[in-house]
Amino acid sequence: MEQLEELVLYMARNLVDDPDNVKVETRQRGRIMTVTLTVPPDDMGKVIGRQGRIARSMRTLLTIASSREGYRASLDING
């Protein structure tokens, strides 16, 4: 679970202008996890990308990484 948080944090911090204000929280219910990424409102566009491509890619990577650990994870992005 901690590795998944670090993965999301790593991806988000490399996209935004202010990496110190990026926060990741994880909620778990059994084998289902919800990862919430909070970034500054000014950096939302950089994290979401054109037509949501970057956000979709982040969700795909999280899904692959979580399935290898035996979990099912989803990513919520807040600004």
PDB file of N, CA and C in Angstrom:
ATOM      1  N   MET A   1       0.826  -1.185   0.000  1.00  0.00           N
ATOM      2  CA  MET A   1       0.000   0.000   0.000  1.00  0.00           C
ATOM      3  C   MET A   1       0.873   1.253   0.000  1.00  0.00           C
ATOM      4  N   GLU A   2       1.916   1.240   0.785  1.00  0.00           N
ATOM      5  CA  GLU A   2       2.809   2.397   0.862  1.00  0.00           C
ATOM      6  C   GLU A   2       3.517   2.626  -0.476  1.00  0.00           C
ATOM      7  N   GLN A   3       3.826   1.548  -1.184  1.00  0.00           N
ATOM      8  CA  GLN A   3       4.485   1.676  -2.484  1.00  0.00           C
ATOM      9  C   GLN A   3       3.572   2.351  -3.501  1.00  0.00           C
ATOM     10  N   LEU A   4       2.276   2.087  -3.410  1.00  0.00           N
ATOM     11  CA  LEU A   4       1.335   2.713  -4.335  1.00  0.00           C
ATOM     12  C   LEU A   4       1.223   4.204  -4.065  1.00  0.00           C
ATOM     13  N   GLU A   5       1.231   4.586  -2.797  1.00  0.00           N
ATOM     14  CA  GLU A   5       1.216   6.015  -2.448  1.00  0.00           C
ATOM     15  C   GLU A   5       2.461   6.703  -2.998  1.00  0.00           C
ATOM     16  N   GLU A   6       3.607   6.051  -2.833  1.00  0.00           N
ATOM     17  CA  GLU A   6       4.858   6.623  -3.311  1.00  0.00           C
ATOM     18  C   GLU A   6       4.860   6.756  -4.831  1.00  0.00           C
ATOM     19  N   LEU A   7       4.264   5.803  -5.525  1.00  0.00           N
ATOM     20  CA  LEU A   7       4.182   5.871  -6.980  1.00  0.00           C
ATOM     21  C   LEU A   7       3.375   7.083  -7.428  1.00  0.00           C
ATOM     22  N   VAL A   8       2.212   7.281  -6.826  1.00  0.00           N
ATOM     23  CA  VAL A   8       1.361   8.422  -7.189  1.00  0.00           C
ATOM     24  C   VAL A   8       2.052   9.733  -6.818  1.00  0.00           C
ATOM     25  N   LEU A   9       2.662   9.771  -5.661  1.00  0.00           N
ATOM     26  CA  LEU A   9       3.374  10.972  -5.216  1.00  0.00           C
ATOM     27  C   LEU A   9       4.525  11.301  -6.170  1.00  0.00           C
ATOM     28  N   TYR A  10       5.263  10.299  -6.588  1.00  0.00           N
ATOM     29  CA  TYR A  10       6.378  10.502  -7.518  1.00  0.00           C
ATOM     30  C   TYR A  10       5.888  11.070  -8.849  1.00  0.00           C
ATOM     31  N   MET A  11       4.832  10.472  -9.384  1.00  0.00           N
ATOM     32  CA  MET A  11       4.306  10.942 -10.668  1.00  0.00           C
ATOM     33  C   MET A  11       3.824  12.387 -10.572  1.00  0.00           C
ATOM     34  N   ALA A  12       3.068  12.699  -9.523  1.00  0.00           N
ATOM     35  CA  ALA A  12       2.483  14.032  -9.384  1.00  0.00           C
ATOM     36  C   ALA A  12       3.548  15.095  -9.122  1.00  0.00           C
ATOM     37  N   ARG A  13       4.510  14.786  -8.282  1.00  0.00           N
ATOM     38  CA  ARG A  13       5.540  15.779  -7.967  1.00  0.00           C
ATOM     39  C   ARG A  13       6.382  16.152  -9.178  1.00  0.00           C
ATOM     40  N   ASN A  14       6.520  15.245 -10.121  1.00  0.00           N
ATOM     41  CA  ASN A  14       7.295  15.541 -11.315  1.00  0.00           C
ATOM     42  C   ASN A  14       6.493  16.311 -12.357  1.00  0.00           C
ATOM     43  N   LEU A  15       5.208  16.479 -12.140  1.00  0.00           N
ATOM     44  CA  LEU A  15       4.374  17.205 -13.084  1.00  0.00           C
ATOM     45  C   LEU A  15       4.105  18.654 -12.669  1.00  0.00           C
ATOM     46  N   VAL A  16       4.058  18.925 -11.377  1.00  0.00           N
ATOM     47  CA  VAL A  16       3.610  20.227 -10.887  1.00  0.00           C
ATOM     48  C   VAL A  16       4.776  21.188 -10.669  1.00  0.00           C
ATOM     49  N   ASP A  17       4.425  22.488 -10.531  1.00  0.00           N
ATOM     50  CA  ASP A  17       5.432  23.517 -10.262  1.00  0.00           C
ATOM     51  C   ASP A  17       5.817  23.561  -8.791  1.00  0.00           C
ATOM     52  N   ASP A  18       4.882  23.223  -7.909  1.00  0.00           N
ATOM     53  CA  ASP A  18       5.106  23.291  -6.461  1.00  0.00           C
ATOM     54  C   ASP A  18       4.966  21.900  -5.851  1.00  0.00           C
ATOM     55  N   PRO A  19       6.002  21.060  -5.934  1.00  0.00           N
ATOM     56  CA  PRO A  19       5.887  19.669  -5.480  1.00  0.00           C
ATOM     57  C   PRO A  19       5.697  19.508  -3.973  1.00  0.00           C
ATOM     58  N   ASP A  20       5.989  20.540  -3.196  1.00  0.00           N
ATOM     59  CA  ASP A  20       5.830  20.421  -1.743  1.00  0.00           C
ATOM     60  C   ASP A  20       4.365  20.434  -1.315  1.00  0.00           C
ATOM     61  N   ASN A  21       3.470  20.930  -2.164  1.00  0.00           N
ATOM     62  CA  ASN A  21       2.045  21.000  -1.822  1.00  0.00           C
ATOM     63  C   ASN A  21       1.236  19.824  -2.364  1.00  0.00           C
ATOM     64  N   VAL A  22       1.898  18.780  -2.806  1.00  0.00           N
ATOM     65  CA  VAL A  22       1.210  17.589  -3.303  1.00  0.00           C
ATOM     66  C   VAL A  22       0.997  16.640  -2.123  1.00  0.00           C
ATOM     67  N   LYS A  23      -0.248  16.166  -1.987  1.00  0.00           N
ATOM     68  CA  LYS A  23      -0.574  15.254  -0.877  1.00  0.00           C
ATOM     69  C   LYS A  23      -1.271  14.021  -1.426  1.00  0.00           C
ATOM     70  N   VAL A  24      -0.991  12.887  -0.825  1.00  0.00           N
ATOM     71  CA  VAL A  24      -1.618  11.631  -1.219  1.00  0.00           C
ATOM     72  C   VAL A  24      -2.182  10.964   0.028  1.00  0.00           C
ATOM     73  N   GLU A  25      -3.451  10.579  -0.040  1.00  0.00           N
ATOM     74  CA  GLU A  25      -4.102   9.857   1.050  1.00  0.00           C
ATOM     75  C   GLU A  25      -4.679   8.563   0.493  1.00  0.00           C
ATOM     76  N   THR A  26      -4.652   7.519   1.303  1.00  0.00           N
ATOM     77  CA  THR A  26      -5.160   6.228   0.862  1.00  0.00           C
ATOM     78  C   THR A  26      -6.181   5.704   1.856  1.00  0.00           C
ATOM     79  N   ARG A  27      -7.293   5.242   1.318  1.00  0.00           N
ATOM     80  CA  ARG A  27      -8.308   4.560   2.124  1.00  0.00           C
ATOM     81  C   ARG A  27      -8.425   3.137   1.601  1.00  0.00           C
ATOM     82  N   GLN A  28      -8.530   2.188   2.522  1.00  0.00           N
ATOM     83  CA  GLN A  28      -8.575   0.790   2.110  1.00  0.00           C
ATOM     84  C   GLN A  28      -9.751   0.088   2.767  1.00  0.00           C
ATOM     85  N   ARG A  29     -10.466  -0.673   1.953  1.00  0.00           N
ATOM     86  CA  ARG A  29     -11.546  -1.519   2.445  1.00  0.00           C
ATOM     87  C   ARG A  29     -11.325  -2.894   1.851  1.00  0.00           C
ATOM     88  N   GLY A  30     -10.751  -3.770   2.648  1.00  0.00           N
ATOM     89  CA  GLY A  30     -10.424  -5.093   2.144  1.00  0.00           C
ATOM     90  C   GLY A  30      -9.328  -5.003   1.105  1.00  0.00           C
ATOM     91  N   ARG A  31      -9.614  -5.495  -0.087  1.00  0.00           N
ATOM     92  CA  ARG A  31      -8.646  -5.461  -1.183  1.00  0.00           C
ATOM     93  C   ARG A  31      -8.876  -4.292  -2.141  1.00  0.00           C
ATOM     94  N   ILE A  32      -9.779  -3.389  -1.789  1.00  0.00           N
ATOM     95  CA  ILE A  32     -10.088  -2.229  -2.623  1.00  0.00           C
ATOM     96  C   ILE A  32      -9.499  -0.981  -1.978  1.00  0.00           C
ATOM     97  N   MET A  33      -8.745  -0.217  -2.777  1.00  0.00           N
ATOM     98  CA  MET A  33      -8.102   0.989  -2.273  1.00  0.00           C
ATOM     99  C   MET A  33      -8.548   2.193  -3.082  1.00  0.00           C
ATOM    100  N   THR A  34      -8.694   3.317  -2.388  1.00  0.00           N
ATOM    101  CA  THR A  34      -8.957   4.586  -3.047  1.00  0.00           C
ATOM    102  C   THR A  34      -7.810   5.522  -2.694  1.00  0.00           C
ATOM    103  N   VAL A  35      -7.086   5.950  -3.718  1.00  0.00           N
ATOM    104  CA  VAL A  35      -5.964   6.862  -3.535  1.00  0.00           C
ATOM    105  C   VAL A  35      -6.438   8.246  -3.955  1.00  0.00           C
ATOM    106  N   THR A  36      -6.318   9.220  -3.037  1.00  0.00           N
ATOM    107  CA  THR A  36      -6.739  10.582  -3.311  1.00  0.00           C
ATOM    108  C   THR A  36      -5.504  11.460  -3.447  1.00  0.00           C
ATOM    109  N   LEU A  37      -5.373  12.078  -4.595  1.00  0.00           N
ATOM    110  CA  LEU A  37      -4.261  12.971  -4.878  1.00  0.00           C
ATOM    111  C   LEU A  37      -4.768  14.401  -4.807  1.00  0.00           C
ATOM    112  N   THR A  38      -4.109  15.226  -3.994  1.00  0.00           N
ATOM    113  CA  THR A  38      -4.477  16.630  -3.860  1.00  0.00           C
ATOM    114  C   THR A  38      -3.308  17.483  -4.338  1.00  0.00           C
ATOM    115  N   VAL A  39      -3.582  18.330  -5.318  1.00  0.00           N
ATOM    116  CA  VAL A  39      -2.560  19.226  -5.864  1.00  0.00           C
ATOM    117  C   VAL A  39      -3.081  20.653  -5.792  1.00  0.00           C
ATOM    118  N   PRO A  40      -2.192  21.652  -5.863  1.00  0.00           N
ATOM    119  CA  PRO A  40      -2.645  23.043  -5.882  1.00  0.00           C
ATOM    120  C   PRO A  40      -3.543  23.294  -7.095  1.00  0.00           C
ATOM    121  N   PRO A  41      -4.548  24.149  -6.937  1.00  0.00           N
ATOM    122  CA  PRO A  41      -5.470  24.418  -8.051  1.00  0.00           C
ATOM    123  C   PRO A  41      -4.781  24.911  -9.320  1.00  0.00           C
ATOM    124  N   ASP A  42      -3.687  25.636  -9.174  1.00  0.00           N
ATOM    125  CA  ASP A  42      -2.969  26.148 -10.348  1.00  0.00           C
ATOM    126  C   ASP A  42      -2.333  25.032 -11.174  1.00  0.00           C
ATOM    127  N   ASP A  43      -2.075  23.890 -10.546  1.00  0.00           N
ATOM    128  CA  ASP A  43      -1.403  22.783 -11.220  1.00  0.00           C
ATOM    129  C   ASP A  43      -2.355  21.679 -11.685  1.00  0.00           C
ATOM    130  N   MET A  44      -3.646  21.881 -11.531  1.00  0.00           N
ATOM    131  CA  MET A  44      -4.608  20.841 -11.924  1.00  0.00           C
ATOM    132  C   MET A  44      -4.500  20.500 -13.407  1.00  0.00           C
ATOM    133  N   GLY A  45      -4.334  21.499 -14.239  1.00  0.00           N
ATOM    134  CA  GLY A  45      -4.243  21.262 -15.674  1.00  0.00           C
ATOM    135  C   GLY A  45      -3.047  20.406 -16.050  1.00  0.00           C
ATOM    136  N   LYS A  46      -1.952  20.570 -15.323  1.00  0.00           N
ATOM    137  CA  LYS A  46      -0.751  19.786 -15.606  1.00  0.00           C
ATOM    138  C   LYS A  46      -0.933  18.329 -15.209  1.00  0.00           C
ATOM    139  N   VAL A  47      -1.674  18.096 -14.157  1.00  0.00           N
ATOM    140  CA  VAL A  47      -1.895  16.726 -13.690  1.00  0.00           C
ATOM    141  C   VAL A  47      -2.950  16.025 -14.546  1.00  0.00           C
ATOM    142  N   ILE A  48      -3.952  16.755 -14.983  1.00  0.00           N
ATOM    143  CA  ILE A  48      -5.012  16.154 -15.787  1.00  0.00           C
ATOM    144  C   ILE A  48      -4.567  16.000 -17.239  1.00  0.00           C
ATOM    145  N   GLY A  49      -3.919  17.004 -17.793  1.00  0.00           N
ATOM    146  CA  GLY A  49      -3.439  16.930 -19.165  1.00  0.00           C
ATOM    147  C   GLY A  49      -4.533  17.202 -20.180  1.00  0.00           C
ATOM    148  N   ARG A  50      -4.147  17.234 -21.435  1.00  0.00           N
ATOM    149  CA  ARG A  50      -5.114  17.490 -22.502  1.00  0.00           C
ATOM    150  C   ARG A  50      -6.062  16.314 -22.630  1.00  0.00           C
ATOM    151  N   GLN A  51      -7.336  16.631 -22.562  1.00  0.00           N
ATOM    152  CA  GLN A  51      -8.414  15.642 -22.646  1.00  0.00           C
ATOM    153  C   GLN A  51      -8.239  14.518 -21.622  1.00  0.00           C
ATOM    154  N   GLY A  52      -7.553  14.810 -20.511  1.00  0.00           N
ATOM    155  CA  GLY A  52      -7.414  13.843 -19.426  1.00  0.00           C
ATOM    156  C   GLY A  52      -6.402  12.747 -19.677  1.00  0.00           C
ATOM    157  N   ARG A  53      -5.510  12.940 -20.630  1.00  0.00           N
ATOM    158  CA  ARG A  53      -4.561  11.879 -20.980  1.00  0.00           C
ATOM    159  C   ARG A  53      -3.592  11.545 -19.860  1.00  0.00           C
ATOM    160  N   ILE A  54      -3.055  12.557 -19.190  1.00  0.00           N
ATOM    161  CA  ILE A  54      -2.089  12.297 -18.116  1.00  0.00           C
ATOM    162  C   ILE A  54      -2.785  11.621 -16.946  1.00  0.00           C
ATOM    163  N   ALA A  55      -3.966  12.109 -16.576  1.00  0.00           N
ATOM    164  CA  ALA A  55      -4.712  11.496 -15.478  1.00  0.00           C
ATOM    165  C   ALA A  55      -5.047  10.037 -15.809  1.00  0.00           C
ATOM    166  N   ARG A  56      -5.432   9.785 -17.048  1.00  0.00           N
ATOM    167  CA  ARG A  56      -5.756   8.421 -17.469  1.00  0.00           C
ATOM    168  C   ARG A  56      -4.519   7.528 -17.383  1.00  0.00           C
ATOM    169  N   SER A  57      -3.376   8.056 -17.774  1.00  0.00           N
ATOM    170  CA  SER A  57      -2.124   7.294 -17.703  1.00  0.00           C
ATOM    171  C   SER A  57      -1.744   6.991 -16.261  1.00  0.00           C
ATOM    172  N   MET A  58      -1.930   7.979 -15.383  1.00  0.00           N
ATOM    173  CA  MET A  58      -1.632   7.761 -13.965  1.00  0.00           C
ATOM    174  C   MET A  58      -2.547   6.685 -13.395  1.00  0.00           C
ATOM    175  N   ARG A  59      -3.810   6.718 -13.764  1.00  0.00           N
ATOM    176  CA  ARG A  59      -4.756   5.709 -13.287  1.00  0.00           C
ATOM    177  C   ARG A  59      -4.387   4.319 -13.805  1.00  0.00           C
ATOM    178  N   THR A  60      -3.946   4.255 -15.047  1.00  0.00           N
ATOM    179  CA  THR A  60      -3.540   2.970 -15.616  1.00  0.00           C
ATOM    180  C   THR A  60      -2.333   2.397 -14.886  1.00  0.00           C
ATOM    181  N   LEU A  61      -1.329   3.227 -14.641  1.00  0.00           N
ATOM    182  CA  LEU A  61      -0.152   2.767 -13.912  1.00  0.00           C
ATOM    183  C   LEU A  61      -0.506   2.314 -12.503  1.00  0.00           C
ATOM    184  N   LEU A  62      -1.387   3.048 -11.842  1.00  0.00           N
ATOM    185  CA  LEU A  62      -1.815   2.673 -10.499  1.00  0.00           C
ATOM    186  C   LEU A  62      -2.571   1.348 -10.524  1.00  0.00           C
ATOM    187  N   THR A  63      -3.416   1.156 -11.520  1.00  0.00           N
ATOM    188  CA  THR A  63      -4.169  -0.089 -11.642  1.00  0.00           C
ATOM    189  C   THR A  63      -3.229  -1.280 -11.838  1.00  0.00           C
ATOM    190  N   ILE A  64      -2.237  -1.119 -12.695  1.00  0.00           N
ATOM    191  CA  ILE A  64      -1.281  -2.199 -12.949  1.00  0.00           C
ATOM    192  C   ILE A  64      -0.473  -2.514 -11.697  1.00  0.00           C
ATOM    193  N   ALA A  65       0.044  -1.464 -11.042  1.00  0.00           N
ATOM    194  CA  ALA A  65       0.851  -1.667  -9.840  1.00  0.00           C
ATOM    195  C   ALA A  65       0.039  -2.298  -8.717  1.00  0.00           C
ATOM    196  N   SER A  66      -1.205  -1.874  -8.564  1.00  0.00           N
ATOM    197  CA  SER A  66      -2.026  -2.423  -7.482  1.00  0.00           C
ATOM    198  C   SER A  66      -2.420  -3.868  -7.767  1.00  0.00           C
ATOM    199  N   SER A  67      -2.657  -4.210  -9.024  1.00  0.00           N
ATOM    200  CA  SER A  67      -3.030  -5.587  -9.336  1.00  0.00           C
ATOM    201  C   SER A  67      -1.872  -6.542  -9.082  1.00  0.00           C
ATOM    202  N   ARG A  68      -0.659  -6.072  -9.252  1.00  0.00           N
ATOM    203  CA  ARG A  68       0.517  -6.902  -8.940  1.00  0.00           C
ATOM    204  C   ARG A  68       0.629  -7.176  -7.452  1.00  0.00           C
ATOM    205  N   GLU A  69       0.097  -6.268  -6.647  1.00  0.00           N
ATOM    206  CA  GLU A  69       0.109  -6.438  -5.191  1.00  0.00           C
ATOM    207  C   GLU A  69      -1.132  -7.171  -4.691  1.00  0.00           C
ATOM    208  N   GLY A  70      -2.060  -7.449  -5.589  1.00  0.00           N
ATOM    209  CA  GLY A  70      -3.278  -8.152  -5.190  1.00  0.00           C
ATOM    210  C   GLY A  70      -4.400  -7.231  -4.755  1.00  0.00           C
ATOM    211  N   TYR A  71      -4.302  -5.953  -5.100  1.00  0.00           N
ATOM    212  CA  TYR A  71      -5.337  -4.967  -4.739  1.00  0.00           C
ATOM    213  C   TYR A  71      -6.036  -4.457  -5.985  1.00  0.00           C
ATOM    214  N   ARG A  72      -7.120  -3.763  -5.755  1.00  0.00           N
ATOM    215  CA  ARG A  72      -7.789  -3.027  -6.817  1.00  0.00           C
ATOM    216  C   ARG A  72      -7.827  -1.571  -6.364  1.00  0.00           C
ATOM    217  N   ALA A  73      -7.216  -0.676  -7.142  1.00  0.00           N
ATOM    218  CA  ALA A  73      -7.069   0.706  -6.711  1.00  0.00           C
ATOM    219  C   ALA A  73      -7.702   1.657  -7.716  1.00  0.00           C
ATOM    220  N   SER A  74      -8.203   2.769  -7.190  1.00  0.00           N
ATOM    221  CA  SER A  74      -8.721   3.848  -8.032  1.00  0.00           C
ATOM    222  C   SER A  74      -8.069   5.149  -7.575  1.00  0.00           C
ATOM    223  N   LEU A  75      -7.965   6.104  -8.490  1.00  0.00           N
ATOM    224  CA  LEU A  75      -7.309   7.375  -8.214  1.00  0.00           C
ATOM    225  C   LEU A  75      -8.303   8.514  -8.363  1.00  0.00           C
ATOM    226  N   ASP A  76      -8.423   9.313  -7.299  1.00  0.00           N
ATOM    227  CA  ASP A  76      -9.227  10.536  -7.329  1.00  0.00           C
ATOM    228  C   ASP A  76      -8.252  11.718  -7.280  1.00  0.00           C
ATOM    229  N   ILE A  77      -8.504  12.729  -8.115  1.00  0.00           N
ATOM    230  CA  ILE A  77      -7.627  13.900  -8.170  1.00  0.00           C
ATOM    231  C   ILE A  77      -8.429  15.116  -7.739  1.00  0.00           C
ATOM    232  N   ASN A  78      -7.924  15.806  -6.708  1.00  0.00           N
ATOM    233  CA  ASN A  78      -8.569  17.019  -6.180  1.00  0.00           C
ATOM    234  C   ASN A  78      -7.623  18.198  -6.327  1.00  0.00           C
ATOM    235  N   GLY A  79      -8.209  19.373  -6.491  1.00  0.00           N
ATOM    236  CA  GLY A  79      -7.379  20.569  -6.623  1.00  0.00           C
ATOM    237  C   GLY A  79      -7.807  21.664  -5.724  1.00  0.00           C
TER     238      GLY A  79
END
